[in-house]
């Protein structure tokens, strides 16, 4: 979306946007790469090669990662029957994160639609649709809402004011220098432990409701305390009631109601142990997913943008400059990071299988080196430290 200078939606009245406007510089001077056309051309060519090479091996890899996630969940449940213990909590959490970050994320991005003879249930048009939500991927987020907010709004507006996941913009409270540091940290810990319910579920559904009403982008960016979806927290409207019916109730009823009740025949002690392990695993899954997702587009060395994209050349450059990778290269390293450690490659080509990102990373890094474009790859822990600076207001994103 291109910025035409007409801000009739009132977004420039938002203090957070005024902040980035004050840091605004001429993008042609701030952004690197003199031959943007050549940079985009090479990446487009590589993208065509990667898409043409999608085959059964990519689907076999998906099934392998799915088996790892299911085995983690099954082993966690078995160990959970013994007593409340950290191994069961870790395995249950790992299976939870894998189901979202690897299976649902990449399948719903059309990553496997090109695989020959793909089973129907793994096609993006069928996975987690309708009743299959309860089979393929049941979580706090409504699947259709998450697909719209993430696949369309976030990926099409990465780092812009209309990016619904723009961390610096949503952290206005904790970035306030007047707020005592202990209060900031308590708020952030609460967010990290609950963010699928407290942030992602309402924000994604609110974005989808805006689409249903025919509103463009993510309305309400200037009429919220934290983020637009907060409007659904208070059940005082039909939209808020829908949030509770579609997001707040289904997942906990099955995850913390039906699932542990299956163990009641083994005694109340076993039932209680399974329930507590599941509840603690949910907190850990929130922390784990926050650790590998939130830092992907945050840090003083990454860009956020005061205007929309101006074409394909701008698109490719922005995806690299506004994203970062974590080191990986092996199934285990990539698995525990949800294959989100290839965020640069994923944002260049969102519709590729997981394995293709690992294969593409060295080539993308080489292209960036040839054109003088920063390709940032650091450990997830170092990236989290940079995210922490953004969240606390001690660091700012680069403005362009």
Protein backbone atom coordinates (compact mmCIF):
# COMPACT_ATOMS: atom_id res chain seq x y z
CA UNK A 1 0.00 0.00 0.00
CA UNK A 2 1.48 3.30 -1.08
CA UNK A 3 1.38 6.39 1.09
CA UNK A 4 -0.18 9.36 -0.74
CA UNK A 5 0.21 11.83 2.09
CA UNK A 6 -3.52 11.88 2.87
CA UNK A 7 -3.89 10.65 6.45
CA UNK A 8 -7.63 11.08 6.76
CA UNK A 9 -7.80 8.07 9.06
CA UNK A 10 -6.17 10.14 11.77
CA UNK A 11 -3.22 7.84 12.28
CA UNK A 12 -0.79 10.74 12.53
CA UNK A 13 -2.55 11.82 15.71
CA UNK A 14 -1.18 8.66 17.30
CA UNK A 15 1.86 9.52 19.48
CA UNK A 16 3.57 6.30 18.41
CA UNK A 17 3.28 7.28 14.75
CA UNK A 18 4.38 10.82 15.46
CA UNK A 19 7.47 9.27 17.04
CA UNK A 20 8.38 7.39 13.86
CA UNK A 21 7.57 10.46 11.78
CA UNK A 22 10.04 12.46 13.84
CA UNK A 23 12.65 9.81 13.06
CA UNK A 24 11.67 9.81 9.40
CA UNK A 25 14.42 10.25 6.84
CA UNK A 26 14.48 10.11 3.07
CA UNK A 27 14.20 6.40 2.28
CA UNK A 28 16.42 6.73 -0.78
CA UNK A 29 19.26 7.82 1.52
CA UNK A 30 18.51 5.59 4.47
CA UNK A 31 18.06 2.25 2.73
CA UNK A 32 21.10 0.50 1.26
CA UNK A 33 21.50 -1.09 -2.19
CA UNK A 34 22.20 1.02 -5.24
CA UNK A 35 20.98 -1.55 -7.77
CA UNK A 36 17.56 -2.37 -6.38
CA UNK A 37 16.33 -3.67 -9.72
CA UNK A 38 19.17 -6.19 -9.91
CA UNK A 39 18.64 -7.22 -6.29
CA UNK A 40 14.92 -7.83 -6.87
CA UNK A 41 15.59 -9.62 -10.16
CA UNK A 42 17.98 -12.13 -8.59
CA UNK A 43 15.60 -12.83 -5.71
CA UNK A 44 12.67 -13.27 -8.09
CA UNK A 45 14.68 -15.72 -10.15
CA UNK A 46 15.69 -17.68 -7.06
CA UNK A 47 12.06 -17.71 -5.94
CA UNK A 48 10.96 -19.22 -9.25
CA UNK A 49 13.61 -21.92 -8.95
CA UNK A 50 12.57 -22.77 -5.40
CA UNK A 51 8.89 -23.01 -6.29
CA UNK A 52 9.63 -25.20 -9.29
CA UNK A 53 11.63 -27.60 -7.10
CA UNK A 54 8.86 -28.27 -4.56
CA UNK A 55 8.30 -32.02 -4.51
CA UNK A 56 7.44 -35.04 -2.38
CA UNK A 57 10.61 -34.60 -0.31
CA UNK A 58 9.19 -31.36 1.09
CA UNK A 59 6.00 -33.11 2.12
CA UNK A 60 7.99 -35.98 3.67
CA UNK A 61 9.88 -33.39 5.71
CA UNK A 62 6.60 -31.81 6.85
CA UNK A 63 5.33 -35.22 7.96
CA UNK A 64 8.59 -35.80 9.86
CA UNK A 65 8.23 -32.54 11.76
CA UNK A 66 4.59 -33.38 12.43
CA UNK A 67 5.63 -36.76 13.85
CA UNK A 68 8.17 -35.07 16.11
CA UNK A 69 5.49 -32.72 17.42
CA UNK A 70 2.97 -35.51 17.97
CA UNK A 71 5.56 -37.71 19.67
CA UNK A 72 6.41 -34.81 21.98
CA UNK A 73 2.74 -34.39 22.90
CA UNK A 74 2.16 -38.12 23.41
CA UNK A 75 5.30 -38.58 25.51
CA UNK A 76 4.38 -35.49 27.52
CA UNK A 77 0.91 -36.85 28.25
CA UNK A 78 2.29 -40.21 29.35
CA UNK A 79 4.80 -38.58 31.67
CA UNK A 80 2.13 -36.19 32.94
CA UNK A 81 0.25 -39.12 34.47
CA UNK A 82 3.11 -39.79 36.89
CA UNK A 83 3.28 -36.38 38.56
CA UNK A 84 3.73 -32.70 37.81
CA UNK A 85 7.21 -32.65 36.30
CA UNK A 86 9.33 -30.39 34.06
CA UNK A 87 9.93 -33.03 31.36
CA UNK A 88 6.22 -33.53 30.75
CA UNK A 89 5.66 -29.76 30.74
CA UNK A 90 8.49 -29.23 28.24
CA UNK A 91 7.32 -31.97 25.87
CA UNK A 92 3.68 -30.87 25.96
CA UNK A 93 4.77 -27.30 25.28
CA UNK A 94 7.06 -28.35 22.44
CA UNK A 95 4.28 -30.27 20.73
CA UNK A 96 1.98 -27.28 21.14
CA UNK A 97 4.48 -24.86 19.58
CA UNK A 98 5.32 -27.26 16.71
CA UNK A 99 1.65 -27.63 15.77
CA UNK A 100 1.35 -23.85 15.34
CA UNK A 101 4.74 -22.63 14.18
CA UNK A 102 5.54 -25.40 11.72
CA UNK A 103 2.44 -27.27 10.65
CA UNK A 104 -0.38 -24.70 10.74
CA UNK A 105 1.83 -21.74 9.85
CA UNK A 106 3.36 -23.16 6.70
CA UNK A 107 0.39 -25.19 5.49
CA UNK A 108 -1.95 -22.19 5.78
CA UNK A 109 0.61 -20.09 3.88
CA UNK A 110 0.06 -22.43 0.87
CA UNK A 111 3.54 -23.81 1.43
CA UNK A 112 2.62 -27.32 0.33
CA UNK A 113 -0.09 -26.66 -2.25
CA UNK A 114 2.41 -27.32 -5.06
CA UNK A 115 3.37 -30.78 -3.82
CA UNK A 116 2.22 -33.40 -6.39
CA UNK A 117 -0.67 -35.58 -5.14
CA UNK A 118 -0.86 -33.69 -1.86
CA UNK A 119 -3.45 -35.19 0.50
CA UNK A 120 -6.46 -32.89 0.61
CA UNK A 121 -6.25 -32.25 4.34
CA UNK A 122 -2.82 -30.60 3.91
CA UNK A 123 -4.02 -28.17 1.28
CA UNK A 124 -4.36 -24.58 2.46
CA UNK A 125 -8.01 -24.47 1.39
CA UNK A 126 -8.92 -27.42 3.61
CA UNK A 127 -6.49 -27.43 6.55
CA UNK A 128 -8.20 -26.32 9.79
CA UNK A 129 -11.25 -25.09 7.88
CA UNK A 130 -14.64 -25.51 9.52
CA UNK A 131 -14.85 -28.61 11.69
CA UNK A 132 -11.27 -29.49 10.77
CA UNK A 133 -10.12 -26.74 13.13
CA UNK A 134 -10.76 -29.22 15.95
CA UNK A 135 -8.64 -31.87 14.20
CA UNK A 136 -5.80 -29.99 12.51
CA UNK A 137 -5.06 -27.01 14.73
CA UNK A 138 -7.18 -25.96 17.68
CA UNK A 139 -5.69 -23.04 19.58
CA UNK A 140 -6.82 -19.77 21.13
CA UNK A 141 -6.72 -18.06 17.73
CA UNK A 142 -9.53 -18.56 15.25
CA UNK A 143 -7.85 -20.10 12.20
CA UNK A 144 -9.54 -17.93 9.57
CA UNK A 145 -8.78 -14.81 11.62
CA UNK A 146 -5.14 -15.71 12.10
CA UNK A 147 -4.72 -16.49 8.39
CA UNK A 148 -6.12 -13.08 7.44
CA UNK A 149 -4.19 -11.07 10.03
CA UNK A 150 -0.89 -12.88 9.57
CA UNK A 151 -0.81 -14.08 5.96
CA UNK A 152 -2.27 -10.92 4.45
CA UNK A 153 -1.97 -7.91 6.73
CA UNK A 154 1.34 -8.67 8.41
CA UNK A 155 3.10 -9.98 5.31
CA UNK A 156 1.79 -7.24 3.02
CA UNK A 157 2.57 -4.41 5.46
CA UNK A 158 5.68 -5.66 7.26
CA UNK A 159 7.11 -2.91 9.46
CA UNK A 160 4.48 -0.35 8.43
CA UNK A 161 1.94 1.38 10.64
CA UNK A 162 -0.71 -0.98 9.20
CA UNK A 163 1.29 -4.04 10.21
CA UNK A 164 -0.94 -5.52 12.95
CA UNK A 165 2.13 -7.10 14.60
CA UNK A 166 4.37 -4.03 14.73
CA UNK A 167 5.99 -4.46 18.16
CA UNK A 168 7.30 -0.93 18.60
CA UNK A 169 3.88 0.53 17.90
CA UNK A 170 2.00 -1.78 20.28
CA UNK A 171 4.51 -1.35 23.12
CA UNK A 172 3.52 2.26 23.76
CA UNK A 173 2.76 1.62 27.45
CA UNK A 174 5.95 -0.21 28.38
CA UNK A 175 8.01 2.19 26.26
CA UNK A 176 6.79 5.11 28.37
CA UNK A 177 9.84 6.36 30.32
CA UNK A 178 7.60 7.47 33.20
CA UNK A 179 6.43 3.93 33.92
CA UNK A 180 8.52 2.30 36.68
CA UNK A 181 10.74 -0.50 35.43
CA UNK A 182 9.30 -3.20 37.78
CA UNK A 183 5.80 -2.41 36.47
CA UNK A 184 7.02 -2.67 32.88
CA UNK A 185 8.61 -6.04 33.54
CA UNK A 186 5.50 -7.40 35.27
CA UNK A 187 3.35 -6.32 32.33
CA UNK A 188 5.75 -7.87 29.84
CA UNK A 189 6.01 -11.16 31.72
CA UNK A 190 2.21 -11.35 31.86
CA UNK A 191 2.03 -10.68 28.12
CA UNK A 192 4.64 -13.32 27.29
CA UNK A 193 2.88 -15.96 29.38
CA UNK A 194 -0.55 -15.27 27.90
CA UNK A 195 0.03 -13.63 24.53
CA UNK A 196 -1.87 -16.14 22.39
CA UNK A 197 -5.03 -15.36 24.37
CA UNK A 198 -4.40 -11.79 25.48
CA UNK A 199 -2.93 -10.48 22.21
CA UNK A 200 -3.07 -12.78 19.19
CA UNK A 201 -6.63 -14.11 19.56
CA UNK A 202 -8.38 -10.70 19.90
CA UNK A 203 -6.11 -8.89 17.46
CA UNK A 204 -6.54 -11.46 14.69
CA UNK A 205 -10.31 -11.73 15.11
CA UNK A 206 -10.69 -7.94 15.22
CA UNK A 207 -8.77 -7.68 11.93
CA UNK A 208 -11.07 -10.27 10.34
CA UNK A 209 -14.17 -8.47 11.65
CA UNK A 210 -12.87 -5.26 10.07
CA UNK A 211 -12.55 -7.10 6.76
CA UNK A 212 -16.14 -8.36 7.05
CA UNK A 213 -17.29 -4.78 7.61
CA UNK A 214 -15.44 -3.70 4.48
CA UNK A 215 -12.86 -1.63 6.35
CA UNK A 216 -9.38 -1.35 4.85
CA UNK A 217 -6.20 -2.45 6.60
CA UNK A 218 -6.32 -2.49 10.39
CA UNK A 219 -8.70 0.31 11.44
CA UNK A 220 -8.47 1.68 14.92
CA UNK A 221 -4.68 2.11 15.06
CA UNK A 222 -5.19 5.52 16.64
CA UNK A 223 -8.14 4.62 18.85
CA UNK A 224 -6.64 2.02 21.14
CA UNK A 225 -4.65 1.93 24.33
CA UNK A 226 -2.39 -0.94 23.27
CA UNK A 227 -3.59 -2.64 20.06
CA UNK A 228 -6.86 -2.64 18.08
CA UNK A 229 -8.04 -6.07 19.26
CA UNK A 230 -8.23 -4.93 22.88
CA UNK A 231 -11.77 -3.77 22.06
CA UNK A 232 -12.89 -7.40 22.25
CA UNK A 233 -11.74 -7.99 25.82
CA UNK A 234 -14.88 -6.46 27.34
CA UNK A 235 -17.98 -8.50 26.35
CA UNK A 236 -20.20 -5.50 25.69
CA UNK A 237 -20.88 -5.99 21.98
CA UNK A 238 -21.72 -8.63 19.42
CA UNK A 239 -18.14 -8.54 18.14
CA UNK A 240 -16.79 -9.15 21.64
CA UNK A 241 -19.27 -11.97 22.23
CA UNK A 242 -18.03 -13.57 19.03
CA UNK A 243 -14.50 -13.39 20.41
CA UNK A 244 -15.52 -15.34 23.50
CA UNK A 245 -17.43 -17.92 21.48
CA UNK A 246 -14.79 -18.45 18.78
CA UNK A 247 -11.58 -17.95 20.75
CA UNK A 248 -11.93 -17.97 24.53
CA UNK A 249 -14.16 -21.04 24.96
CA UNK A 250 -13.36 -23.81 22.40
CA UNK A 251 -9.67 -24.38 23.10
CA UNK A 252 -9.72 -24.51 26.95
CA UNK A 253 -12.88 -26.65 26.96
CA UNK A 254 -11.08 -29.34 24.99
CA UNK A 255 -7.51 -28.81 26.14
CA UNK A 256 -8.14 -28.38 29.87
CA UNK A 257 -11.60 -29.90 30.10
CA UNK A 258 -12.07 -32.92 27.85
CA UNK A 259 -8.44 -34.03 27.50
CA UNK A 260 -7.54 -34.38 31.21
CA UNK A 261 -10.98 -35.89 31.94
CA UNK A 262 -10.00 -38.86 29.76
CA UNK A 263 -7.59 -39.80 32.56
CA UNK A 264 -10.25 -39.82 35.31
CA UNK A 265 -10.62 -43.65 35.13
CA UNK A 266 -7.03 -43.81 36.43
CA UNK A 267 -7.90 -41.81 39.53
CA UNK A 268 -8.25 -38.19 40.61
CA UNK A 269 -4.52 -37.88 41.35
CA UNK A 270 -3.67 -38.78 37.76
CA UNK A 271 -6.36 -36.44 36.43
CA UNK A 272 -5.07 -33.56 38.55
CA UNK A 273 -1.44 -34.21 37.53
CA UNK A 274 -2.36 -34.20 33.83
CA UNK A 275 -4.42 -31.02 34.21
CA UNK A 276 -1.66 -29.11 36.05
CA UNK A 277 0.98 -30.28 33.57
CA UNK A 278 -1.23 -29.08 30.69
CA UNK A 279 -1.80 -25.68 32.32
CA UNK A 280 1.90 -25.13 33.01
CA UNK A 281 2.78 -26.36 29.52
CA UNK A 282 0.41 -23.74 28.12
CA UNK A 283 2.33 -20.98 29.90
CA UNK A 284 5.62 -22.40 28.62
CA UNK A 285 4.24 -22.69 25.08
CA UNK A 286 3.33 -19.00 25.21
CA UNK A 287 6.83 -18.12 26.41
CA UNK A 288 8.48 -20.38 23.83
CA UNK A 289 6.44 -19.06 20.92
CA UNK A 290 6.98 -15.46 22.04
CA UNK A 291 10.73 -16.08 22.17
CA UNK A 292 10.92 -17.35 18.59
CA UNK A 293 8.25 -15.11 17.00
CA UNK A 294 8.32 -11.64 18.56
CA UNK A 295 12.03 -10.80 17.94
CA UNK A 296 11.78 -11.56 14.18
CA UNK A 297 11.02 -7.95 13.22
CA UNK A 298 12.23 -5.96 16.22
CA UNK A 299 15.56 -4.38 17.09
CA UNK A 300 17.43 -1.14 16.62
CA UNK A 301 19.16 -2.64 13.56
CA UNK A 302 15.87 -3.40 11.74
CA UNK A 303 13.68 -0.95 9.85
CA UNK A 304 10.10 0.20 10.31
CA UNK A 305 8.53 2.36 7.65
CA UNK A 306 6.59 5.62 7.66
CA UNK A 307 5.04 4.91 4.25
CA UNK A 308 3.78 1.99 2.18
CA UNK A 309 5.64 -0.05 -0.40
CA UNK A 310 6.28 1.44 -3.84
CA UNK A 311 6.65 -1.71 -5.93
CA UNK A 312 8.36 -5.09 -6.19
CA UNK A 313 11.87 -3.68 -5.83
CA UNK A 314 10.88 -1.96 -2.61
CA UNK A 315 9.10 -5.10 -1.43
CA UNK A 316 12.14 -7.37 -1.66
CA UNK A 317 14.44 -4.85 -0.02
CA UNK A 318 12.04 -4.19 2.84
CA UNK A 319 11.50 -7.87 3.63
CA UNK A 320 15.25 -8.31 4.17
CA UNK A 321 15.85 -5.06 6.04
CA UNK A 322 12.84 -5.55 8.31
CA UNK A 323 13.49 -9.19 9.25
CA UNK A 324 16.20 -11.23 10.94
CA UNK A 325 17.24 -14.90 11.12
CA UNK A 326 18.46 -17.17 13.89
CA UNK A 327 21.19 -19.73 13.16
CA UNK A 328 19.99 -23.24 12.34
CA UNK A 329 20.75 -25.74 9.63
CA UNK A 330 19.76 -29.03 11.28
CA UNK A 331 16.36 -30.59 11.86
CA UNK A 332 16.59 -30.22 15.64
CA UNK A 333 17.88 -26.63 15.63
CA UNK A 334 15.20 -25.61 13.15
CA UNK A 335 12.48 -27.65 14.89
CA UNK A 336 12.79 -26.04 18.31
CA UNK A 337 12.87 -22.62 16.64
CA UNK A 338 9.73 -23.49 14.69
CA UNK A 339 11.50 -22.92 11.36
CA UNK A 340 10.98 -19.25 12.17
CA UNK A 341 14.75 -18.91 12.20
CA UNK A 342 14.51 -18.38 8.42
CA UNK A 343 12.34 -15.30 8.72
CA UNK A 344 14.08 -13.41 5.91
CA UNK A 345 13.49 -16.20 3.41
CA UNK A 346 9.95 -16.73 4.68
CA UNK A 347 9.08 -13.08 4.14
CA UNK A 348 10.59 -13.08 0.68
CA UNK A 349 8.52 -16.12 -0.33
CA UNK A 350 5.79 -16.90 2.24
CA UNK A 351 4.35 -19.75 0.14
CA UNK A 352 7.30 -22.16 0.31
CA UNK A 353 7.74 -25.34 2.38
CA UNK A 354 9.89 -25.21 5.51
CA UNK A 355 12.75 -27.18 4.02
CA UNK A 356 13.09 -24.77 1.11
CA UNK A 357 13.95 -21.93 3.49
CA UNK A 358 16.93 -23.84 4.85
CA UNK A 359 18.06 -24.57 1.29
CA UNK A 360 17.58 -20.97 0.18
CA UNK A 361 19.28 -19.21 3.11
CA UNK A 362 22.91 -19.46 1.88
CA UNK A 363 21.88 -18.22 -1.58
CA UNK A 364 19.91 -15.29 -0.19
CA UNK A 365 22.83 -14.37 2.04
CA UNK A 366 25.17 -14.41 -0.97
CA UNK A 367 22.82 -12.19 -3.01
CA UNK A 368 22.59 -9.72 -0.14
CA UNK A 369 26.39 -9.62 0.13
CA UNK A 370 26.72 -8.87 -3.60
CA UNK A 371 24.33 -5.92 -3.37
CA UNK A 372 25.46 -4.55 0.00
CA UNK A 373 22.18 -5.35 1.75
CA UNK A 374 22.53 -6.26 5.48
CA UNK A 375 21.54 -9.88 6.14
CA UNK A 376 21.10 -10.12 9.90
CA UNK A 377 21.48 -13.52 11.54
CA UNK A 378 22.01 -13.74 15.28
CA UNK A 379 21.09 -16.14 18.07
CA UNK A 380 17.51 -16.06 19.29
CA UNK A 381 18.81 -14.96 22.70
CA UNK A 382 20.64 -11.97 21.26
CA UNK A 383 17.58 -11.04 19.21
CA UNK A 384 15.40 -11.29 22.31
CA UNK A 385 17.72 -8.85 24.08
CA UNK A 386 17.21 -6.41 21.20
CA UNK A 387 13.46 -6.96 21.37
CA UNK A 388 13.60 -6.26 25.11
CA UNK A 389 15.15 -2.88 24.37
CA UNK A 390 12.32 -2.02 21.99
CA UNK A 391 9.67 -3.19 24.47
CA UNK A 392 11.19 -1.14 27.30
CA UNK A 393 11.80 1.98 25.24
CA UNK A 394 15.58 1.91 25.62
CA UNK A 395 16.04 1.30 21.87
CA UNK A 396 14.27 2.40 18.69
CA UNK A 397 13.74 0.78 15.32
CA UNK A 398 15.48 2.35 12.36
CA UNK A 399 13.15 4.78 10.61
CA UNK A 400 12.72 5.04 6.87
